[in-house]
Amino acid sequence: MSTIPFAEWMAVTQDRAESALARLLPGSDCIPARLHEAMRYATLGGGKRIRPLLAHAAGQLTGAAPETLDIVASAVEMIHAYSLVHDDLPCMDDDVLRRGRPTCHVEFDEPTALLVGDSLQTLAFELLASQPIGEAKQQLEMIALLAHASGSRGMAGGQAIDLASVGKPLNQPELELMHALKTGALIRAAVLLGALAGNPLSSEERSNLDRFAKRAGLLFQVVDDILDCTASTATLGKTAGKDEAADKPTYVSLLGLDAARAYADELRADALDALSIFGERAARLTQLADFICHRQF
């Protein structure tokens, strides 16, 4: 494994993800120019790039080529970017700030934002289907995995449950199901897609990696809920306290702040335990679990 410090590896990988996205997105001079400009606005120039980081880290675990991981990571991040554009629309979460700047529908307009999401979603699958990232069977598995994670039994389904749960109390299993779909499904997909881009894992190794991915996805959401009520809008780059103002169920509202923090520590420990089978090969995934747990934004 590379010996460069984690912070340096993360910065290099984030820059690599940004460059790959900039290369793979249509240019703003390509017709229809306004739509392509809006797609680039919504995708480039911000974000933690957690999903590309996870894809690259999981790909390192299985010896995947960095160029292949660029495609896989870009596909996942395009799905994520589309979900943010649609989540921010007035008919959904109705937000005006994302990554420290106006949301896509505010900067452009609502119809354009809707088409941005549609276009980013389809481009993600075009990349997985058309780029040389593996054998045909391998690529089909990747496409099916990302489609499942994005649809009604994944991210979109979780958002539907979220919208239906405003003002309603959820117990912990119900809350975890919602976030396993809304947030966790795409994070899990990033990990598994990155791993699929390399050498095959044994059934035991894949099961453990899947457990890590599920714990990491839930951990991300628990920490998000904590930050929503403890961090500032300037720090988060999005409207702080919005979940509480909208009367949405969160881990903080269900468990309390201290218990939510304790639960995050439990999830981190379980995620790291799942990686123990890999030893040093999983060092970057281990570091990412720590980062997700202890992040401040």
Protein backbone atom coordinates (compact mmCIF):
# COMPACT_ATOMS: atom_id res chain seq x y z
CA MET A 1 0.00 0.00 0.00
CA SER A 2 1.16 3.56 -0.67
CA THR A 3 2.73 5.21 2.33
CA ILE A 4 1.55 8.74 1.60
CA PRO A 5 -0.45 10.25 4.49
CA PHE A 6 -4.22 9.88 4.37
CA ALA A 7 -4.89 13.62 4.04
CA GLU A 8 -2.60 13.78 1.02
CA TRP A 9 -4.12 10.67 -0.55
CA MET A 10 -7.59 12.09 -0.03
CA ALA A 11 -6.70 15.42 -1.64
CA VAL A 12 -5.05 13.71 -4.62
CA THR A 13 -8.03 11.38 -5.08
CA GLN A 14 -10.53 14.23 -4.80
CA ASP A 15 -8.59 16.16 -7.46
CA ARG A 16 -8.52 13.06 -9.63
CA ALA A 17 -12.29 12.64 -9.26
CA GLU A 18 -12.85 16.30 -10.16
CA SER A 19 -10.68 16.00 -13.27
CA ALA A 20 -12.42 12.82 -14.38
CA LEU A 21 -15.86 14.39 -13.97
CA ALA A 22 -14.78 17.51 -15.86
CA ARG A 23 -13.51 15.30 -18.70
CA LEU A 24 -16.55 13.02 -18.86
CA LEU A 25 -19.30 15.64 -18.58
CA PRO A 26 -20.38 17.32 -21.83
CA GLY A 27 -18.72 20.68 -22.40
CA SER A 28 -20.74 23.83 -21.81
CA ASP A 29 -20.14 24.72 -25.46
CA CYS A 30 -21.97 21.57 -26.57
CA ILE A 31 -25.61 21.96 -27.63
CA PRO A 32 -27.82 22.39 -25.62
CA ALA A 33 -25.29 24.66 -23.99
CA ARG A 34 -27.40 25.89 -21.06
CA LEU A 35 -28.28 22.36 -19.95
CA HIS A 36 -24.65 21.24 -20.13
CA GLU A 37 -23.52 24.35 -18.28
CA ALA A 38 -26.02 23.54 -15.54
CA MET A 39 -24.88 19.90 -15.39
CA ARG A 40 -21.32 21.05 -14.85
CA TYR A 41 -22.42 23.64 -12.29
CA ALA A 42 -24.26 21.00 -10.28
CA THR A 43 -21.47 18.43 -10.39
CA LEU A 44 -18.13 20.26 -10.36
CA GLY A 45 -16.41 22.53 -7.90
CA GLY A 46 -17.53 21.26 -4.53
CA GLY A 47 -18.42 18.39 -2.30
CA LYS A 48 -16.41 15.95 -0.20
CA ARG A 49 -16.39 13.32 -2.96
CA ILE A 50 -16.97 10.61 -0.35
CA ARG A 51 -18.35 8.17 -2.92
CA PRO A 52 -15.40 8.48 -5.35
CA LEU A 53 -13.03 8.19 -2.38
CA LEU A 54 -14.75 4.98 -1.30
CA ALA A 55 -14.74 3.61 -4.84
CA HIS A 56 -11.02 4.28 -5.24
CA ALA A 57 -10.21 2.84 -1.81
CA ALA A 58 -12.22 -0.32 -2.49
CA GLY A 59 -10.63 -0.59 -5.92
CA GLN A 60 -7.17 -0.43 -4.37
CA LEU A 61 -8.23 -3.36 -2.20
CA THR A 62 -8.83 -5.49 -5.32
CA GLY A 63 -6.04 -4.13 -7.51
CA ALA A 64 -8.29 -2.19 -9.91
CA ALA A 65 -6.71 0.11 -12.46
CA PRO A 66 -7.00 3.80 -11.51
CA GLU A 67 -8.36 4.63 -14.97
CA THR A 68 -11.17 2.13 -14.49
CA LEU A 69 -11.92 3.55 -11.06
CA ASP A 70 -12.20 7.02 -12.59
CA ILE A 71 -15.15 5.82 -14.68
CA VAL A 72 -16.81 3.91 -11.84
CA ALA A 73 -16.36 6.76 -9.36
CA SER A 74 -17.69 9.31 -11.86
CA ALA A 75 -20.80 7.24 -12.52
CA VAL A 76 -21.62 7.03 -8.81
CA GLU A 77 -20.91 10.72 -8.25
CA MET A 78 -23.16 11.70 -11.16
CA ILE A 79 -26.02 9.77 -9.56
CA HIS A 80 -25.28 11.54 -6.27
CA ALA A 81 -25.16 14.96 -7.95
CA TYR A 82 -28.47 14.31 -9.72
CA SER A 83 -30.07 13.32 -6.41
CA LEU A 84 -28.93 16.57 -4.79
CA VAL A 85 -30.31 18.67 -7.64
CA HIS A 86 -33.69 16.97 -7.38
CA ASP A 87 -33.70 16.95 -3.56
CA ASP A 88 -33.23 20.72 -3.53
CA LEU A 89 -36.23 21.41 -5.80
CA PRO A 90 -39.23 23.22 -4.27
CA CYS A 91 -41.37 20.09 -4.64
CA MET A 92 -38.88 18.11 -2.54
CA ASP A 93 -36.72 19.66 0.21
CA ASP A 94 -37.00 23.21 -1.21
CA ASP A 95 -33.49 24.46 -0.47
CA VAL A 96 -31.59 27.41 -1.90
CA LEU A 97 -28.03 26.59 -0.80
CA ARG A 98 -25.81 23.65 -1.74
CA ARG A 99 -22.03 23.39 -1.34
CA GLY A 100 -21.89 27.03 -0.34
CA ARG A 101 -23.59 28.44 -3.44
CA PRO A 102 -27.10 28.73 -4.91
CA THR A 103 -28.78 25.45 -5.72
CA CYS A 104 -29.14 24.49 -9.37
CA HIS A 105 -32.78 25.56 -9.73
CA VAL A 106 -31.99 28.94 -8.14
CA GLU A 107 -28.93 29.56 -10.32
CA PHE A 108 -30.73 28.42 -13.48
CA ASP A 109 -34.43 27.52 -13.22
CA GLU A 110 -36.63 24.63 -12.13
CA PRO A 111 -37.16 23.02 -15.55
CA THR A 112 -33.42 23.12 -16.24
CA ALA A 113 -32.67 21.60 -12.82
CA LEU A 114 -35.11 18.78 -13.50
CA LEU A 115 -33.40 18.05 -16.82
CA VAL A 116 -29.97 18.25 -15.18
CA GLY A 117 -30.93 15.45 -12.82
CA ASP A 118 -32.39 13.37 -15.64
CA SER A 119 -29.29 13.87 -17.78
CA LEU A 120 -26.76 13.12 -15.04
CA GLN A 121 -28.62 9.92 -14.18
CA THR A 122 -28.61 8.61 -17.73
CA LEU A 123 -25.00 9.67 -18.34
CA ALA A 124 -23.90 7.60 -15.34
CA PHE A 125 -25.29 4.43 -16.92
CA GLU A 126 -23.96 5.37 -20.35
CA LEU A 127 -20.46 5.49 -18.83
CA LEU A 128 -20.77 2.09 -17.18
CA ALA A 129 -22.15 0.55 -20.37
CA SER A 130 -19.81 2.12 -22.93
CA GLN A 131 -16.40 2.46 -21.30
CA PRO A 132 -13.78 -0.34 -21.25
CA ILE A 133 -14.00 -1.15 -17.53
CA GLY A 134 -14.11 -4.93 -17.54
CA GLU A 135 -15.59 -8.05 -19.08
CA ALA A 136 -19.19 -7.87 -20.31
CA LYS A 137 -20.54 -9.89 -17.37
CA GLN A 138 -18.63 -7.64 -14.96
CA GLN A 139 -20.04 -4.48 -16.53
CA LEU A 140 -23.58 -5.84 -16.46
CA GLU A 141 -23.20 -6.55 -12.75
CA MET A 142 -22.00 -2.98 -12.19
CA ILE A 143 -24.94 -1.51 -14.13
CA ALA A 144 -27.46 -3.64 -12.24
CA LEU A 145 -25.88 -2.74 -8.90
CA LEU A 146 -25.98 1.00 -9.53
CA ALA A 147 -29.52 0.84 -10.94
CA HIS A 148 -30.80 -1.02 -7.89
CA ALA A 149 -29.07 1.43 -5.54
CA SER A 150 -30.60 4.41 -7.36
CA GLY A 151 -34.20 3.30 -7.78
CA SER A 152 -37.33 2.65 -5.77
CA ARG A 153 -35.63 -0.06 -3.72
CA GLY A 154 -32.69 2.24 -3.07
CA MET A 155 -32.09 5.99 -3.04
CA ALA A 156 -35.37 7.10 -4.65
CA GLY A 157 -37.34 4.81 -2.36
CA GLY A 158 -35.60 6.22 0.68
CA GLN A 159 -36.45 9.74 -0.43
CA ALA A 160 -40.10 8.70 -0.82
CA ILE A 161 -40.14 7.37 2.74
CA ASP A 162 -38.43 10.56 3.93
CA LEU A 163 -41.07 12.79 2.33
CA ALA A 164 -43.87 10.65 3.77
CA SER A 165 -42.33 10.78 7.26
CA VAL A 166 -42.34 14.54 7.83
CA GLY A 167 -44.01 15.25 11.15
CA LYS A 168 -44.32 11.56 11.95
CA PRO A 169 -42.35 9.73 14.65
CA LEU A 170 -40.26 6.79 13.40
CA ASN A 171 -38.70 4.13 15.58
CA GLN A 172 -35.05 3.23 15.08
CA PRO A 173 -35.59 0.27 12.70
CA GLU A 174 -37.86 2.43 10.53
CA LEU A 175 -35.36 5.28 10.53
CA GLU A 176 -32.53 2.92 9.66
CA LEU A 177 -34.49 1.42 6.77
CA MET A 178 -35.17 4.89 5.37
CA HIS A 179 -31.51 5.89 5.51
CA ALA A 180 -30.21 2.50 4.36
CA LEU A 181 -32.09 3.32 1.17
CA LYS A 182 -31.82 7.10 0.89
CA THR A 183 -28.14 7.52 1.79
CA GLY A 184 -26.68 4.09 2.42
CA ALA A 185 -27.58 2.41 -0.87
CA LEU A 186 -25.41 4.69 -3.00
CA ILE A 187 -22.51 4.61 -0.53
CA ARG A 188 -22.71 0.82 -0.53
CA ALA A 189 -22.76 0.88 -4.34
CA ALA A 190 -19.63 3.05 -4.44
CA VAL A 191 -17.71 0.53 -2.33
CA LEU A 192 -18.93 -2.56 -4.20
CA LEU A 193 -18.49 -1.00 -7.64
CA GLY A 194 -14.92 -0.02 -6.80
CA ALA A 195 -14.18 -3.55 -5.66
CA LEU A 196 -15.86 -5.06 -8.74
CA ALA A 197 -13.48 -3.08 -10.96
CA GLY A 198 -10.57 -5.22 -9.77
CA ASN A 199 -9.79 -8.85 -8.98
CA PRO A 200 -12.60 -11.08 -7.68
CA LEU A 201 -13.12 -11.42 -3.93
CA SER A 202 -14.00 -14.62 -2.15
CA SER A 203 -17.58 -14.96 -0.93
CA GLU A 204 -16.42 -14.30 2.64
CA GLU A 205 -14.44 -11.24 1.61
CA ARG A 206 -17.34 -9.84 -0.39
CA SER A 207 -19.73 -10.42 2.52
CA ASN A 208 -17.41 -8.55 4.86
CA LEU A 209 -16.95 -5.71 2.40
CA ASP A 210 -20.72 -5.48 2.02
CA ARG A 211 -21.10 -5.27 5.82
CA PHE A 212 -18.51 -2.50 5.91
CA ALA A 213 -20.31 -0.62 3.14
CA LYS A 214 -23.68 -0.83 4.88
CA ARG A 215 -22.23 0.32 8.21
CA ALA A 216 -20.35 3.17 6.51
CA GLY A 217 -23.53 4.35 4.79
CA LEU A 218 -25.48 4.42 8.02
CA LEU A 219 -22.57 6.06 9.82
CA PHE A 220 -22.49 8.83 7.24
CA GLN A 221 -26.17 9.61 7.84
CA VAL A 222 -25.92 9.54 11.64
CA VAL A 223 -23.04 12.01 11.50
CA ASP A 224 -24.99 14.13 8.99
CA ASP A 225 -27.87 14.32 11.48
CA ILE A 226 -25.47 15.33 14.25
CA LEU A 227 -23.85 18.02 12.11
CA ASP A 228 -27.25 19.37 11.01
CA CYS A 229 -27.91 20.48 14.58
CA THR A 230 -24.35 21.31 15.72
CA ALA A 231 -22.57 22.92 12.74
CA SER A 232 -23.17 26.26 11.05
CA THR A 233 -24.53 26.88 7.58
CA ALA A 234 -21.15 28.35 6.57
CA THR A 235 -19.35 25.20 7.71
CA LEU A 236 -21.78 22.78 6.08
CA GLY A 237 -22.24 24.68 2.83
CA LYS A 238 -25.98 24.00 3.10
CA THR A 239 -28.77 25.22 5.34
CA ALA A 240 -28.11 24.06 8.90
CA GLY A 241 -30.98 23.01 11.14
CA LYS A 242 -33.27 22.39 8.20
CA ASP A 243 -34.29 18.89 9.30
CA GLU A 244 -35.45 20.09 12.69
CA ALA A 245 -37.25 23.07 11.16
CA ALA A 246 -39.05 20.73 8.75
CA ASP A 247 -39.95 18.33 11.59
CA LYS A 248 -38.11 15.45 9.94
CA PRO A 249 -37.18 12.35 11.97
CA THR A 250 -33.42 12.16 12.62
CA TYR A 251 -31.11 10.16 14.84
CA VAL A 252 -30.69 13.19 17.07
CA SER A 253 -34.45 13.70 17.47
CA LEU A 254 -34.91 9.98 18.15
CA LEU A 255 -31.91 9.22 20.36
CA GLY A 256 -30.65 12.59 21.60
CA LEU A 257 -27.30 14.14 20.69
CA ASP A 258 -25.08 12.16 23.07
CA ALA A 259 -26.68 8.82 22.20
CA ALA A 260 -26.44 9.60 18.48
CA ARG A 261 -22.72 10.24 18.89
CA ALA A 262 -22.36 6.98 20.80
CA TYR A 263 -24.23 5.15 18.05
CA ALA A 264 -21.87 6.64 15.46
CA ASP A 265 -18.94 5.21 17.41
CA GLU A 266 -20.64 1.79 17.44
CA LEU A 267 -21.18 1.88 13.70
CA ARG A 268 -17.55 2.86 13.10
CA ALA A 269 -16.34 -0.02 15.27
CA ASP A 270 -18.53 -2.50 13.40
CA ALA A 271 -17.37 -1.16 10.04
CA LEU A 272 -13.73 -1.54 11.04
CA ASP A 273 -14.35 -5.04 12.37
CA ALA A 274 -15.74 -6.04 8.98
CA LEU A 275 -12.49 -4.89 7.34
CA SER A 276 -10.22 -6.88 9.68
CA ILE A 277 -10.26 -9.84 7.28
CA PHE A 278 -8.33 -7.76 4.72
CA GLY A 279 -5.50 -6.52 6.95
CA GLU A 280 -3.39 -3.70 5.54
CA ARG A 281 -5.09 -3.99 2.14
CA ALA A 282 -8.05 -2.13 3.64
CA ALA A 283 -6.03 0.71 5.20
CA ARG A 284 -7.63 3.42 3.04
CA LEU A 285 -11.14 2.15 3.75
CA THR A 286 -10.29 2.13 7.46
CA GLN A 287 -9.08 5.72 7.26
CA LEU A 288 -12.22 6.73 5.37
CA ALA A 289 -14.43 5.20 8.07
CA ASP A 290 -12.57 7.30 10.63
CA PHE A 291 -12.98 10.39 8.48
CA ILE A 292 -16.70 9.82 7.99
CA CYS A 293 -17.18 9.37 11.73
CA HIS A 294 -15.15 12.37 12.86
CA ARG A 295 -15.78 14.86 10.03
CA GLN A 296 -16.88 18.39 10.88
CA PHE A 297 -18.66 19.21 7.61
